[in-house]
Amino acid sequence: MRVKEILSKAILTKTGIEGYDYCINPYVGCQHGCLYCYASFMKRFTGHSEPWGEFVDVKINAPEVLARQLKRPKEGSVLFGTVTDPYQPLEKKYRITRGCLEALLGSQLSLNILTRSPLAVRDIDLFKKLQDIKIGFSITTDSEETKKLFEPDSPSIISRVEALRKIHDAGISTYVFIGPMLPLNPKKIVDMIAGAASSVLIDRLNYSNKVLSIYRRHGLEDFLSHDYFSSTGLNLKEKFEKKGIPVSIFFAE
């Protein structure tokens, strides 16, 4: 893993993502290196020759830059982690995400943080002080074996669910992003998440040739069919909503 400390000119940047005005990415690159990650396109803008998942640039001045940007009052919504995980392992050492949250205390911005790391539990104290915040966890399957195929360096599913539950039990709005929807058992994943999430988002996303080859190599082609995504998406929606958890599906059913 190559780690480089860099300086950033701006940390709060406008985004074209529907529903959000700004994004914050405390890092460039991500240690989790999920094989399906759409953000791997970022590599061509970094100058890195290392494969995606084997380099991270740390924006060491991000909290100070953000505090300076916030001197001019901002309104709107912010998504943390559009092309990186704000709680990847290096955050434990560098605390860039935490510093950014401290800078945001007292701001009028609504915040949405998406992660797959239980390290987020560390910042519950700050989540409670922020007036409008949602914490989301990417949980793409209920199977640890499937997770290891597609997310070999990411935290275990059970650790994510436990962290999600702790944050939810602290009175903070939480959600789960099942995207991409990997091979999963609807009943198992619903039972895991029930009582820990305020809402659920489901997407299929797109798969690179590298990811498609993993499906083929392990005999998982049936999980690529339109029928799988459609029927499983509807099955998840029905089961979650029976437990009082609203669901949004972002692909044609």
Foldseek 3Di string as FASTA:
>chain_A
DAEAEDADQAAWAQDPPPQFGTEGEQKAAELQQFVFQPLQVSVVVPPDPDHGNPYMYGNLCHLVRLLVVCVPADETEYEYDPNYQCVGPCCVVRVSVVSNLVSCQPGNYAYEHEHQDLCVLVCLVSLVRHDHYEYEYEDQELDQVQCCLGRVRTDGNLSSLVSLQSSVVSVHAYEYENPLNDDYDLVNVLVSNQNRHQAYEYENDDGDPVRVVSCVVVVNVVCVDPCNCVVSVVVNQVSNVVSVHHYHYDDDD
